[in-house]
PDB file of N, CA and C in Angstrom:
ATOM      1  N   UNK A   1     187.056 -51.399  27.571  1.00  0.00           N
ATOM      2  CA  UNK A   1     187.482 -51.917  28.854  1.00  0.00           C
ATOM      3  C   UNK A   1     187.763 -53.412  28.700  1.00  0.00           C
ATOM      4  N   UNK A   2     188.810 -53.872  29.352  1.00  0.00           N
ATOM      5  CA  UNK A   2     189.136 -55.294  29.268  1.00  0.00           C
ATOM      6  C   UNK A   2     188.109 -56.115  30.038  1.00  0.00           C
ATOM      7  N   UNK A   3     188.007 -57.376  29.676  1.00  0.00           N
ATOM      8  CA  UNK A   3     187.101 -58.277  30.379  1.00  0.00           C
ATOM      9  C   UNK A   3     187.513 -58.405  31.843  1.00  0.00           C
ATOM     10  N   UNK A   4     188.816 -58.439  32.099  1.00  0.00           N
ATOM     11  CA  UNK A   4     189.309 -58.567  33.473  1.00  0.00           C
ATOM     12  C   UNK A   4     188.874 -57.379  34.326  1.00  0.00           C
ATOM     13  N   UNK A   5     188.991 -56.176  33.780  1.00  0.00           N
ATOM     14  CA  UNK A   5     188.577 -54.978  34.513  1.00  0.00           C
ATOM     15  C   UNK A   5     187.069 -55.003  34.747  1.00  0.00           C
ATOM     16  N   UNK A   6     186.311 -55.412  33.737  1.00  0.00           N
ATOM     17  CA  UNK A   6     184.861 -55.490  33.879  1.00  0.00           C
ATOM     18  C   UNK A   6     184.487 -56.510  34.959  1.00  0.00           C
ATOM     19  N   UNK A   7     185.180 -57.648  34.991  1.00  0.00           N
ATOM     20  CA  UNK A   7     184.947 -58.655  36.033  1.00  0.00           C
ATOM     21  C   UNK A   7     185.191 -58.068  37.419  1.00  0.00           C
ATOM     22  N   UNK A   8     186.238 -57.246  37.546  1.00  0.00           N
ATOM     23  CA  UNK A   8     186.510 -56.583  38.823  1.00  0.00           C
ATOM     24  C   UNK A   8     185.329 -55.716  39.243  1.00  0.00           C
ATOM     25  N   UNK A   9     184.757 -54.980  38.285  1.00  0.00           N
ATOM     26  CA  UNK A   9     183.619 -54.120  38.602  1.00  0.00           C
ATOM     27  C   UNK A   9     182.402 -54.937  39.021  1.00  0.00           C
ATOM     28  N   UNK A  10     182.179 -56.069  38.367  1.00  0.00           N
ATOM     29  CA  UNK A  10     181.067 -56.946  38.764  1.00  0.00           C
ATOM     30  C   UNK A  10     181.309 -57.473  40.176  1.00  0.00           C
ATOM     31  N   UNK A  11     182.530 -57.896  40.469  1.00  0.00           N
ATOM     32  CA  UNK A  11     182.850 -58.373  41.819  1.00  0.00           C
ATOM     33  C   UNK A  11     182.672 -57.275  42.858  1.00  0.00           C
ATOM     34  N   UNK A  12     183.035 -56.044  42.512  1.00  0.00           N
ATOM     35  CA  UNK A  12     182.807 -54.918  43.424  1.00  0.00           C
ATOM     36  C   UNK A  12     181.313 -54.709  43.645  1.00  0.00           C
ATOM     37  N   UNK A  13     180.530 -54.858  42.567  1.00  0.00           N
ATOM     38  CA  UNK A  13     179.081 -54.727  42.684  1.00  0.00           C
ATOM     39  C   UNK A  13     178.491 -55.768  43.618  1.00  0.00           C
ATOM     40  N   UNK A  14     179.012 -56.988  43.546  1.00  0.00           N
ATOM     41  CA  UNK A  14     178.546 -58.055  44.440  1.00  0.00           C
ATOM     42  C   UNK A  14     178.924 -57.726  45.881  1.00  0.00           C
ATOM     43  N   UNK A  15     180.154 -57.275  46.089  1.00  0.00           N
ATOM     44  CA  UNK A  15     180.613 -56.945  47.441  1.00  0.00           C
ATOM     45  C   UNK A  15     179.852 -55.771  48.048  1.00  0.00           C
ATOM     46  N   UNK A  16     179.254 -54.930  47.197  1.00  0.00           N
ATOM     47  CA  UNK A  16     178.495 -53.776  47.690  1.00  0.00           C
ATOM     48  C   UNK A  16     177.107 -54.169  48.207  1.00  0.00           C
ATOM     49  N   UNK A  17     176.690 -55.402  47.943  1.00  0.00           N
ATOM     50  CA  UNK A  17     175.398 -55.883  48.429  1.00  0.00           C
ATOM     51  C   UNK A  17     175.524 -56.092  49.938  1.00  0.00           C
ATOM     52  N   UNK A  18     174.540 -55.648  50.719  1.00  0.00           N
ATOM     53  CA  UNK A  18     174.618 -55.853  52.172  1.00  0.00           C
ATOM     54  C   UNK A  18     174.807 -57.334  52.537  1.00  0.00           C
ATOM     55  N   UNK A  19     175.616 -57.568  53.545  1.00  0.00           N
ATOM     56  CA  UNK A  19     175.968 -58.926  53.971  1.00  0.00           C
ATOM     57  C   UNK A  19     174.732 -59.778  54.274  1.00  0.00           C
ATOM     58  N   UNK A  20     173.698 -59.171  54.836  1.00  0.00           N
ATOM     59  CA  UNK A  20     172.499 -59.945  55.189  1.00  0.00           C
ATOM     60  C   UNK A  20     171.849 -60.563  53.948  1.00  0.00           C
ATOM     61  N   UNK A  21     172.021 -59.946  52.789  1.00  0.00           N
ATOM     62  CA  UNK A  21     171.493 -60.512  51.544  1.00  0.00           C
ATOM     63  C   UNK A  21     172.473 -61.521  50.939  1.00  0.00           C
ATOM     64  N   UNK A  22     173.753 -61.200  50.991  1.00  0.00           N
ATOM     65  CA  UNK A  22     174.752 -62.122  50.442  1.00  0.00           C
ATOM     66  C   UNK A  22     174.677 -63.487  51.123  1.00  0.00           C
ATOM     67  N   UNK A  23     174.421 -63.486  52.434  1.00  0.00           N
ATOM     68  CA  UNK A  23     174.324 -64.740  53.184  1.00  0.00           C
ATOM     69  C   UNK A  23     173.150 -65.591  52.715  1.00  0.00           C
ATOM     70  N   UNK A  24     172.154 -64.961  52.114  1.00  0.00           N
ATOM     71  CA  UNK A  24     170.942 -65.677  51.706  1.00  0.00           C
ATOM     72  C   UNK A  24     170.948 -66.104  50.239  1.00  0.00           C
ATOM     73  N   UNK A  25     172.017 -65.811  49.529  1.00  0.00           N
ATOM     74  CA  UNK A  25     172.101 -66.260  48.137  1.00  0.00           C
ATOM     75  C   UNK A  25     172.133 -67.782  48.105  1.00  0.00           C
ATOM     76  N   UNK A  26     171.301 -68.360  47.259  1.00  0.00           N
ATOM     77  CA  UNK A  26     171.237 -69.813  47.168  1.00  0.00           C
ATOM     78  C   UNK A  26     171.266 -70.253  45.713  1.00  0.00           C
ATOM     79  N   UNK A  27     172.243 -71.064  45.368  1.00  0.00           N
ATOM     80  CA  UNK A  27     172.274 -71.741  44.079  1.00  0.00           C
ATOM     81  C   UNK A  27     172.129 -70.768  42.910  1.00  0.00           C
ATOM     82  N   UNK A  28     172.987 -69.761  42.880  1.00  0.00           N
ATOM     83  CA  UNK A  28     172.948 -68.779  41.790  1.00  0.00           C
ATOM     84  C   UNK A  28     174.373 -68.484  41.316  1.00  0.00           C
ATOM     85  N   UNK A  29     174.557 -68.489  40.013  1.00  0.00           N
ATOM     86  CA  UNK A  29     175.832 -68.113  39.402  1.00  0.00           C
ATOM     87  C   UNK A  29     175.680 -66.732  38.772  1.00  0.00           C
ATOM     88  N   UNK A  30     176.707 -65.920  38.905  1.00  0.00           N
ATOM     89  CA  UNK A  30     176.727 -64.612  38.249  1.00  0.00           C
ATOM     90  C   UNK A  30     177.818 -64.675  37.191  1.00  0.00           C
ATOM     91  N   UNK A  31     177.409 -64.471  35.939  1.00  0.00           N
ATOM     92  CA  UNK A  31     178.354 -64.580  34.833  1.00  0.00           C
ATOM     93  C   UNK A  31     178.340 -63.297  34.005  1.00  0.00           C
ATOM     94  N   UNK A  32     179.345 -63.174  33.161  1.00  0.00           N
ATOM     95  CA  UNK A  32     179.455 -62.025  32.257  1.00  0.00           C
ATOM     96  C   UNK A  32     179.417 -62.542  30.828  1.00  0.00           C
ATOM     97  N   UNK A  33     178.622 -61.898  30.009  1.00  0.00           N
ATOM     98  CA  UNK A  33     178.596 -62.162  28.569  1.00  0.00           C
ATOM     99  C   UNK A  33     178.790 -60.830  27.860  1.00  0.00           C
ATOM    100  N   UNK A  34     179.315 -60.886  26.653  1.00  0.00           N
ATOM    101  CA  UNK A  34     179.507 -59.656  25.877  1.00  0.00           C
ATOM    102  C   UNK A  34     178.167 -59.000  25.557  1.00  0.00           C
ATOM    103  N   UNK A  35     177.224 -59.782  25.012  1.00  0.00           N
ATOM    104  CA  UNK A  35     175.919 -59.245  24.612  1.00  0.00           C
ATOM    105  C   UNK A  35     174.834 -60.283  24.862  1.00  0.00           C
ATOM    106  N   UNK A  36     173.589 -59.826  24.999  1.00  0.00           N
ATOM    107  CA  UNK A  36     172.485 -60.790  25.100  1.00  0.00           C
ATOM    108  C   UNK A  36     172.277 -61.493  23.759  1.00  0.00           C
ATOM    109  N   UNK A  37     171.748 -62.702  23.825  1.00  0.00           N
ATOM    110  CA  UNK A  37     171.450 -63.431  22.595  1.00  0.00           C
ATOM    111  C   UNK A  37     170.162 -62.893  21.977  1.00  0.00           C
ATOM    112  N   UNK A  38     169.972 -63.204  20.718  1.00  0.00           N
ATOM    113  CA  UNK A  38     168.733 -62.820  20.034  1.00  0.00           C
ATOM    114  C   UNK A  38     167.540 -63.443  20.751  1.00  0.00           C
ATOM    115  N   UNK A  39     167.704 -64.679  21.207  1.00  0.00           N
ATOM    116  CA  UNK A  39     166.621 -65.371  21.918  1.00  0.00           C
ATOM    117  C   UNK A  39     166.275 -64.668  23.229  1.00  0.00           C
ATOM    118  N   UNK A  40     167.285 -64.233  23.969  1.00  0.00           N
ATOM    119  CA  UNK A  40     167.028 -63.521  25.226  1.00  0.00           C
ATOM    120  C   UNK A  40     166.279 -62.220  24.965  1.00  0.00           C
ATOM    121  N   UNK A  41     166.707 -61.482  23.960  1.00  0.00           N
ATOM    122  CA  UNK A  41     166.047 -60.215  23.630  1.00  0.00           C
ATOM    123  C   UNK A  41     164.611 -60.452  23.180  1.00  0.00           C
ATOM    124  N   UNK A  42     164.397 -61.481  22.362  1.00  0.00           N
ATOM    125  CA  UNK A  42     163.053 -61.780  21.863  1.00  0.00           C
ATOM    126  C   UNK A  42     162.132 -62.215  23.002  1.00  0.00           C
ATOM    127  N   UNK A  43     162.638 -63.059  23.887  1.00  0.00           N
ATOM    128  CA  UNK A  43     161.837 -63.548  25.013  1.00  0.00           C
ATOM    129  C   UNK A  43     161.348 -62.398  25.890  1.00  0.00           C
ATOM    130  N   UNK A  44     162.200 -61.406  26.066  1.00  0.00           N
ATOM    131  CA  UNK A  44     161.856 -60.252  26.908  1.00  0.00           C
ATOM    132  C   UNK A  44     161.180 -59.128  26.125  1.00  0.00           C
ATOM    133  N   UNK A  45     161.051 -59.322  24.817  1.00  0.00           N
ATOM    134  CA  UNK A  45     160.440 -58.316  23.938  1.00  0.00           C
ATOM    135  C   UNK A  45     161.185 -56.983  24.009  1.00  0.00           C
ATOM    136  N   UNK A  46     162.513 -57.082  24.007  1.00  0.00           N
ATOM    137  CA  UNK A  46     163.364 -55.896  24.034  1.00  0.00           C
ATOM    138  C   UNK A  46     163.408 -55.309  22.626  1.00  0.00           C
ATOM    139  N   UNK A  47     163.035 -54.054  22.521  1.00  0.00           N
ATOM    140  CA  UNK A  47     163.027 -53.370  21.225  1.00  0.00           C
ATOM    141  C   UNK A  47     164.445 -52.977  20.812  1.00  0.00           C
ATOM    142  N   UNK A  48     164.621 -52.841  19.512  1.00  0.00           N
ATOM    143  CA  UNK A  48     165.904 -52.392  18.973  1.00  0.00           C
ATOM    144  C   UNK A  48     166.220 -51.010  19.546  1.00  0.00           C
ATOM    145  N   UNK A  49     167.460 -50.822  19.950  1.00  0.00           N
ATOM    146  CA  UNK A  49     167.877 -49.548  20.516  1.00  0.00           C
ATOM    147  C   UNK A  49     167.747 -49.472  22.028  1.00  0.00           C
ATOM    148  N   UNK A  50     167.147 -50.503  22.640  1.00  0.00           N
ATOM    149  CA  UNK A  50     167.021 -50.554  24.103  1.00  0.00           C
ATOM    150  C   UNK A  50     168.112 -51.485  24.622  1.00  0.00           C
ATOM    151  N   UNK A  51     168.830 -51.047  25.642  1.00  0.00           N
ATOM    152  CA  UNK A  51     169.926 -51.836  26.188  1.00  0.00           C
ATOM    153  C   UNK A  51     169.428 -52.781  27.275  1.00  0.00           C
ATOM    154  N   UNK A  52     169.880 -54.022  27.235  1.00  0.00           N
ATOM    155  CA  UNK A  52     169.654 -54.983  28.312  1.00  0.00           C
ATOM    156  C   UNK A  52     170.984 -55.135  29.047  1.00  0.00           C
ATOM    157  N   UNK A  53     171.017 -54.670  30.292  1.00  0.00           N
ATOM    158  CA  UNK A  53     172.254 -54.698  31.071  1.00  0.00           C
ATOM    159  C   UNK A  53     172.456 -56.017  31.805  1.00  0.00           C
ATOM    160  N   UNK A  54     171.359 -56.636  32.223  1.00  0.00           N
ATOM    161  CA  UNK A  54     171.467 -57.871  32.986  1.00  0.00           C
ATOM    162  C   UNK A  54     170.212 -58.697  32.843  1.00  0.00           C
ATOM    163  N   UNK A  55     170.325 -59.970  33.229  1.00  0.00           N
ATOM    164  CA  UNK A  55     169.190 -60.881  33.109  1.00  0.00           C
ATOM    165  C   UNK A  55     169.269 -61.940  34.194  1.00  0.00           C
ATOM    166  N   UNK A  56     168.144 -62.122  34.896  1.00  0.00           N
ATOM    167  CA  UNK A  56     168.019 -63.203  35.874  1.00  0.00           C
ATOM    168  C   UNK A  56     167.227 -64.328  35.233  1.00  0.00           C
ATOM    169  N   UNK A  57     167.783 -65.525  35.266  1.00  0.00           N
ATOM    170  CA  UNK A  57     167.096 -66.707  34.756  1.00  0.00           C
ATOM    171  C   UNK A  57     167.124 -67.772  35.845  1.00  0.00           C
ATOM    172  N   UNK A  58     165.954 -68.145  36.321  1.00  0.00           N
ATOM    173  CA  UNK A  58     165.899 -69.156  37.364  1.00  0.00           C
ATOM    174  C   UNK A  58     164.578 -69.136  38.093  1.00  0.00           C
ATOM    175  N   UNK A  59     164.588 -69.760  39.255  1.00  0.00           N
ATOM    176  CA  UNK A  59     163.406 -69.839  40.106  1.00  0.00           C
ATOM    177  C   UNK A  59     163.657 -68.944  41.317  1.00  0.00           C
ATOM    178  N   UNK A  60     162.891 -67.845  41.453  1.00  0.00           N
ATOM    179  CA  UNK A  60     163.096 -66.958  42.600  1.00  0.00           C
ATOM    180  C   UNK A  60     162.942 -67.719  43.919  1.00  0.00           C
ATOM    181  N   UNK A  61     163.654 -67.283  44.929  1.00  0.00           N
ATOM    182  CA  UNK A  61     163.617 -67.961  46.224  1.00  0.00           C
ATOM    183  C   UNK A  61     162.198 -68.057  46.781  1.00  0.00           C
ATOM    184  N   UNK A  62     161.359 -67.091  46.473  1.00  0.00           N
ATOM    185  CA  UNK A  62     159.984 -67.104  46.988  1.00  0.00           C
ATOM    186  C   UNK A  62     159.120 -68.175  46.328  1.00  0.00           C
ATOM    187  N   UNK A  63     159.618 -68.803  45.273  1.00  0.00           N
ATOM    188  CA  UNK A  63     158.840 -69.821  44.560  1.00  0.00           C
ATOM    189  C   UNK A  63     159.480 -71.204  44.634  1.00  0.00           C
ATOM    190  N   UNK A  64     160.370 -71.396  45.566  1.00  0.00           N
ATOM    191  CA  UNK A  64     161.090 -72.671  45.664  1.00  0.00           C
ATOM    192  C   UNK A  64     160.458 -73.557  46.734  1.00  0.00           C
ATOM    193  N   UNK A  65     159.863 -74.653  46.286  1.00  0.00           N
ATOM    194  CA  UNK A  65     159.345 -75.672  47.190  1.00  0.00           C
ATOM    195  C   UNK A  65     159.895 -76.998  46.704  1.00  0.00           C
ATOM    196  N   UNK A  66     160.543 -77.740  47.582  1.00  0.00           N
ATOM    197  CA  UNK A  66     161.150 -78.988  47.161  1.00  0.00           C
ATOM    198  C   UNK A  66     162.233 -78.766  46.122  1.00  0.00           C
ATOM    199  N   UNK A  67     162.955 -77.671  46.280  1.00  0.00           N
ATOM    200  CA  UNK A  67     163.954 -77.228  45.306  1.00  0.00           C
ATOM    201  C   UNK A  67     165.295 -77.832  45.678  1.00  0.00           C
ATOM    202  N   UNK A  68     165.681 -78.918  44.996  1.00  0.00           N
ATOM    203  CA  UNK A  68     166.990 -79.510  45.273  1.00  0.00           C
ATOM    204  C   UNK A  68     167.500 -80.218  44.028  1.00  0.00           C
ATOM    205  N   UNK A  69     168.781 -80.397  43.982  1.00  0.00           N
ATOM    206  CA  UNK A  69     169.462 -81.081  42.887  1.00  0.00           C
ATOM    207  C   UNK A  69     169.086 -80.509  41.523  1.00  0.00           C
ATOM    208  N   UNK A  70     169.123 -79.196  41.436  1.00  0.00           N
ATOM    209  CA  UNK A  70     168.835 -78.526  40.166  1.00  0.00           C
ATOM    210  C   UNK A  70     170.023 -77.647  39.788  1.00  0.00           C
ATOM    211  N   UNK A  71     170.099 -77.317  38.517  1.00  0.00           N
ATOM    212  CA  UNK A  71     171.146 -76.407  38.065  1.00  0.00           C
ATOM    213  C   UNK A  71     170.973 -75.057  38.742  1.00  0.00           C
ATOM    214  N   UNK A  72     172.059 -74.324  38.926  1.00  0.00           N
ATOM    215  CA  UNK A  72     171.941 -73.015  39.570  1.00  0.00           C
ATOM    216  C   UNK A  72     171.165 -72.021  38.711  1.00  0.00           C
ATOM    217  N   UNK A  73     170.525 -71.078  39.394  1.00  0.00           N
ATOM    218  CA  UNK A  73     169.967 -69.927  38.700  1.00  0.00           C
ATOM    219  C   UNK A  73     171.141 -69.181  38.077  1.00  0.00           C
ATOM    220  N   UNK A  74     170.824 -68.319  37.118  1.00  0.00           N
ATOM    221  CA  UNK A  74     171.899 -67.597  36.434  1.00  0.00           C
ATOM    222  C   UNK A  74     171.555 -66.117  36.342  1.00  0.00           C
ATOM    223  N   UNK A  75     172.496 -65.309  36.764  1.00  0.00           N
ATOM    224  CA  UNK A  75     172.427 -63.868  36.543  1.00  0.00           C
ATOM    225  C   UNK A  75     173.532 -63.545  35.547  1.00  0.00           C
ATOM    226  N   UNK A  76     173.129 -62.947  34.438  1.00  0.00           N
ATOM    227  CA  UNK A  76     174.096 -62.569  33.414  1.00  0.00           C
ATOM    228  C   UNK A  76     174.198 -61.051  33.370  1.00  0.00           C
ATOM    229  N   UNK A  77     175.411 -60.548  33.419  1.00  0.00           N
ATOM    230  CA  UNK A  77     175.684 -59.125  33.269  1.00  0.00           C
ATOM    231  C   UNK A  77     176.283 -58.951  31.874  1.00  0.00           C
ATOM    232  N   UNK A  78     175.688 -58.051  31.078  1.00  0.00           N
ATOM    233  CA  UNK A  78     176.089 -57.882  29.684  1.00  0.00           C
ATOM    234  C   UNK A  78     177.033 -56.693  29.528  1.00  0.00           C
ATOM    235  N   UNK A  79     178.263 -57.000  29.162  1.00  0.00           N
ATOM    236  CA  UNK A  79     179.343 -56.013  29.097  1.00  0.00           C
ATOM    237  C   UNK A  79     179.120 -54.942  28.030  1.00  0.00           C
ATOM    238  N   UNK A  80     178.873 -55.338  26.783  1.00  0.00           N
ATOM    239  CA  UNK A  80     178.790 -54.354  25.696  1.00  0.00           C
ATOM    240  C   UNK A  80     177.666 -53.332  25.872  1.00  0.00           C
ATOM    241  N   UNK A  81     176.445 -53.747  26.212  1.00  0.00           N
ATOM    242  CA  UNK A  81     175.395 -52.735  26.391  1.00  0.00           C
ATOM    243  C   UNK A  81     175.727 -51.727  27.500  1.00  0.00           C
ATOM    244  N   UNK A  82     176.341 -52.206  28.573  1.00  0.00           N
ATOM    245  CA  UNK A  82     176.710 -51.298  29.668  1.00  0.00           C
ATOM    246  C   UNK A  82     177.756 -50.303  29.188  1.00  0.00           C
ATOM    247  N   UNK A  83     178.741 -50.785  28.458  1.00  0.00           N
ATOM    248  CA  UNK A  83     179.777 -49.886  27.941  1.00  0.00           C
ATOM    249  C   UNK A  83     179.190 -48.870  26.963  1.00  0.00           C
ATOM    250  N   UNK A  84     178.299 -49.317  26.089  1.00  0.00           N
ATOM    251  CA  UNK A  84     177.705 -48.414  25.100  1.00  0.00           C
ATOM    252  C   UNK A  84     176.843 -47.336  25.747  1.00  0.00           C
ATOM    253  N   UNK A  85     176.234 -47.650  26.876  1.00  0.00           N
ATOM    254  CA  UNK A  85     175.356 -46.694  27.549  1.00  0.00           C
ATOM    255  C   UNK A  85     176.120 -45.741  28.463  1.00  0.00           C
ATOM    256  N   UNK A  86     177.420 -45.950  28.607  1.00  0.00           N
ATOM    257  CA  UNK A  86     178.221 -45.193  29.568  1.00  0.00           C
ATOM    258  C   UNK A  86     179.156 -44.209  28.890  1.00  0.00           C
ATOM    259  N   UNK A  87     179.387 -43.107  29.576  1.00  0.00           N
ATOM    260  CA  UNK A  87     180.307 -42.077  29.100  1.00  0.00           C
ATOM    261  C   UNK A  87     181.688 -42.181  29.754  1.00  0.00           C
ATOM    262  N   UNK A  88     181.763 -42.920  30.872  1.00  0.00           N
ATOM    263  CA  UNK A  88     183.023 -42.982  31.613  1.00  0.00           C
ATOM    264  C   UNK A  88     183.110 -44.304  32.374  1.00  0.00           C
ATOM    265  N   UNK A  89     184.297 -44.589  32.865  1.00  0.00           N
ATOM    266  CA  UNK A  89     184.482 -45.790  33.677  1.00  0.00           C
ATOM    267  C   UNK A  89     183.665 -45.702  34.962  1.00  0.00           C
ATOM    268  N   UNK A  90     183.564 -44.513  35.521  1.00  0.00           N
ATOM    269  CA  UNK A  90     182.765 -44.335  36.737  1.00  0.00           C
ATOM    270  C   UNK A  90     181.292 -44.651  36.476  1.00  0.00           C
ATOM    271  N   UNK A  91     180.810 -44.260  35.318  1.00  0.00           N
ATOM    272  CA  UNK A  91     179.420 -44.561  34.965  1.00  0.00           C
ATOM    273  C   UNK A  91     179.236 -46.065  34.739  1.00  0.00           C
ATOM    274  N   UNK A  92     180.211 -46.722  34.126  1.00  0.00           N
ATOM    275  CA  UNK A  92     180.151 -48.177  33.962  1.00  0.00           C
ATOM    276  C   UNK A  92     180.053 -48.830  35.335  1.00  0.00           C
ATOM    277  N   UNK A  93     180.885 -48.385  36.255  1.00  0.00           N
ATOM    278  CA  UNK A  93     180.888 -48.938  37.612  1.00  0.00           C
ATOM    279  C   UNK A  93     179.516 -48.795  38.265  1.00  0.00           C
ATOM    280  N   UNK A  94     178.888 -47.635  38.114  1.00  0.00           N
ATOM    281  CA  UNK A  94     177.570 -47.402  38.708  1.00  0.00           C
ATOM    282  C   UNK A  94     176.514 -48.302  38.071  1.00  0.00           C
ATOM    283  N   UNK A  95     176.523 -48.408  36.751  1.00  0.00           N
ATOM    284  CA  UNK A  95     175.532 -49.245  36.072  1.00  0.00           C
ATOM    285  C   UNK A  95     175.725 -50.714  36.455  1.00  0.00           C
ATOM    286  N   UNK A  96     176.962 -51.165  36.526  1.00  0.00           N
ATOM    287  CA  UNK A  96     177.227 -52.547  36.930  1.00  0.00           C
ATOM    288  C   UNK A  96     176.697 -52.787  38.334  1.00  0.00           C
ATOM    289  N   UNK A  97     177.003 -51.904  39.263  1.00  0.00           N
ATOM    290  CA  UNK A  97     176.541 -52.047  40.650  1.00  0.00           C
ATOM    291  C   UNK A  97     175.014 -52.091  40.710  1.00  0.00           C
ATOM    292  N   UNK A  98     174.368 -51.168  40.004  1.00  0.00           N
ATOM    293  CA  UNK A  98     172.903 -51.125  39.990  1.00  0.00           C
ATOM    294  C   UNK A  98     172.312 -52.368  39.336  1.00  0.00           C
ATOM    295  N   UNK A  99     172.956 -52.862  38.285  1.00  0.00           N
ATOM    296  CA  UNK A  99     172.453 -54.043  37.573  1.00  0.00           C
ATOM    297  C   UNK A  99     172.580 -55.296  38.430  1.00  0.00           C
ATOM    298  N   UNK A 100     173.704 -55.457  39.108  1.00  0.00           N
ATOM    299  CA  UNK A 100     173.875 -56.599  40.012  1.00  0.00           C
ATOM    300  C   UNK A 100     172.783 -56.562  41.076  1.00  0.00           C
ATOM    301  N   UNK A 101     172.568 -55.402  41.674  1.00  0.00           N
ATOM    302  CA  UNK A 101     171.534 -55.249  42.702  1.00  0.00           C
ATOM    303  C   UNK A 101     170.164 -55.614  42.133  1.00  0.00           C
ATOM    304  N   UNK A 102     169.843 -55.097  40.959  1.00  0.00           N
ATOM    305  CA  UNK A 102     168.551 -55.316  40.309  1.00  0.00           C
ATOM    306  C   UNK A 102     168.303 -56.811  40.068  1.00  0.00           C
ATOM    307  N   UNK A 103     169.282 -57.494  39.503  1.00  0.00           N
ATOM    308  CA  UNK A 103     169.094 -58.909  39.174  1.00  0.00           C
ATOM    309  C   UNK A 103     169.045 -59.775  40.429  1.00  0.00           C
ATOM    310  N   UNK A 104     169.811 -59.425  41.457  1.00  0.00           N
ATOM    311  CA  UNK A 104     169.722 -60.164  42.719  1.00  0.00           C
ATOM    312  C   UNK A 104     168.349 -59.982  43.360  1.00  0.00           C
ATOM    313  N   UNK A 105     167.752 -58.813  43.195  1.00  0.00           N
ATOM    314  CA  UNK A 105     166.399 -58.592  43.719  1.00  0.00           C
ATOM    315  C   UNK A 105     165.415 -59.562  43.066  1.00  0.00           C
ATOM    316  N   UNK A 106     165.584 -59.825  41.773  1.00  0.00           N
ATOM    317  CA  UNK A 106     164.742 -60.830  41.106  1.00  0.00           C
ATOM    318  C   UNK A 106     164.983 -62.212  41.720  1.00  0.00           C
ATOM    319  N   UNK A 107     166.229 -62.542  42.015  1.00  0.00           N
ATOM    320  CA  UNK A 107     166.559 -63.829  42.640  1.00  0.00           C
ATOM    321  C   UNK A 107     165.825 -63.979  43.974  1.00  0.00           C
ATOM    322  N   UNK A 108     165.680 -62.876  44.695  1.00  0.00           N
ATOM    323  CA  UNK A 108     164.996 -62.919  45.987  1.00  0.00           C
ATOM    324  C   UNK A 108     163.478 -62.842  45.857  1.00  0.00           C
ATOM    325  N   UNK A 109     162.974 -62.754  44.624  1.00  0.00           N
ATOM    326  CA  UNK A 109     161.537 -62.868  44.413  1.00  0.00           C
ATOM    327  C   UNK A 109     160.798 -61.608  44.029  1.00  0.00           C
ATOM    328  N   UNK A 110     161.483 -60.494  43.863  1.00  0.00           N
ATOM    329  CA  UNK A 110     160.794 -59.270  43.469  1.00  0.00           C
ATOM    330  C   UNK A 110     160.530 -59.273  41.969  1.00  0.00           C
ATOM    331  N   UNK A 111     159.306 -58.884  41.586  1.00  0.00           N
ATOM    332  CA  UNK A 111     159.011 -58.741  40.163  1.00  0.00           C
ATOM    333  C   UNK A 111     159.526 -57.382  39.693  1.00  0.00           C
ATOM    334  N   UNK A 112     159.420 -57.125  38.397  1.00  0.00           N
ATOM    335  CA  UNK A 112     160.009 -55.905  37.822  1.00  0.00           C
ATOM    336  C   UNK A 112     159.459 -54.640  38.477  1.00  0.00           C
ATOM    337  N   UNK A 113     158.156 -54.587  38.700  1.00  0.00           N
ATOM    338  CA  UNK A 113     157.536 -53.406  39.313  1.00  0.00           C
ATOM    339  C   UNK A 113     158.092 -53.167  40.717  1.00  0.00           C
ATOM    340  N   UNK A 114     158.187 -54.219  41.512  1.00  0.00           N
ATOM    341  CA  UNK A 114     158.693 -54.073  42.876  1.00  0.00           C
ATOM    342  C   UNK A 114     160.189 -53.784  42.916  1.00  0.00           C
ATOM    343  N   UNK A 115     160.934 -54.334  41.949  1.00  0.00           N
ATOM    344  CA  UNK A 115     162.366 -54.015  41.873  1.00  0.00           C
ATOM    345  C   UNK A 115     162.544 -52.528  41.590  1.00  0.00           C
ATOM    346  N   UNK A 116     161.792 -52.013  40.626  1.00  0.00           N
ATOM    347  CA  UNK A 116     161.892 -50.583  40.273  1.00  0.00           C
ATOM    348  C   UNK A 116     161.535 -49.706  41.472  1.00  0.00           C
ATOM    349  N   UNK A 117     160.499 -50.077  42.196  1.00  0.00           N
ATOM    350  CA  UNK A 117     160.091 -49.318  43.381  1.00  0.00           C
ATOM    351  C   UNK A 117     161.191 -49.350  44.448  1.00  0.00           C
ATOM    352  N   UNK A 118     161.769 -50.530  44.666  1.00  0.00           N
ATOM    353  CA  UNK A 118     162.851 -50.661  45.643  1.00  0.00           C
ATOM    354  C   UNK A 118     164.081 -49.866  45.213  1.00  0.00           C
ATOM    355  N   UNK A 119     164.342 -49.828  43.907  1.00  0.00           N
ATOM    356  CA  UNK A 119     165.482 -49.048  43.408  1.00  0.00           C
ATOM    357  C   UNK A 119     165.302 -47.568  43.716  1.00  0.00           C
ATOM    358  N   UNK A 120     164.098 -47.063  43.526  1.00  0.00           N
ATOM    359  CA  UNK A 120     163.840 -45.648  43.822  1.00  0.00           C
ATOM    360  C   UNK A 120     164.071 -45.356  45.298  1.00  0.00           C
ATOM    361  N   UNK A 121     163.586 -46.238  46.177  1.00  0.00           N
ATOM    362  CA  UNK A 121     163.800 -46.047  47.621  1.00  0.00           C
ATOM    363  C   UNK A 121     165.287 -46.135  47.957  1.00  0.00           C
ATOM    364  N   UNK A 122     165.977 -47.077  47.345  1.00  0.00           N
ATOM    365  CA  UNK A 122     167.409 -47.274  47.604  1.00  0.00           C
ATOM    366  C   UNK A 122     168.215 -46.043  47.203  1.00  0.00           C
ATOM    367  N   UNK A 123     167.866 -45.425  46.092  1.00  0.00           N
ATOM    368  CA  UNK A 123     168.620 -44.273  45.594  1.00  0.00           C
ATOM    369  C   UNK A 123     168.364 -43.014  46.409  1.00  0.00           C
ATOM    370  N   UNK A 124     167.272 -42.990  47.167  1.00  0.00           N
ATOM    371  CA  UNK A 124     166.972 -41.831  48.010  1.00  0.00           C
ATOM    372  C   UNK A 124     167.770 -41.854  49.306  1.00  0.00           C
ATOM    373  N   UNK A 125     168.302 -43.028  49.652  1.00  0.00           N
ATOM    374  CA  UNK A 125     169.043 -43.165  50.920  1.00  0.00           C
ATOM    375  C   UNK A 125     170.388 -42.491  50.819  1.00  0.00           C
TER     376      UNK A 125
END
């Protein structure tokens, strides 16, 4: 898939987030990289053969006190792992949408356990 097409899917994933959450996004950039760095994988203790689809790096909104004049938080969506884990363009689209949602949940202050729990509730709707 071309980078341009993948960017479109990421933008669609962002647009799929409910407006009430989009309005509350503060100081966060969403970027696309081909693959995670060795340092990112090591920091998260990602084992070989496990795909990292996205990564939130920053200060969650729930932990911001006196938070001003700082670089934006960063959400990175990793193109190659998503493509490798997918069988079709439709599956890529779903993983991208789910990954954007997952990483934005971290931005809003949910830890991994609570994000996973919220994902299960979200998928039942």
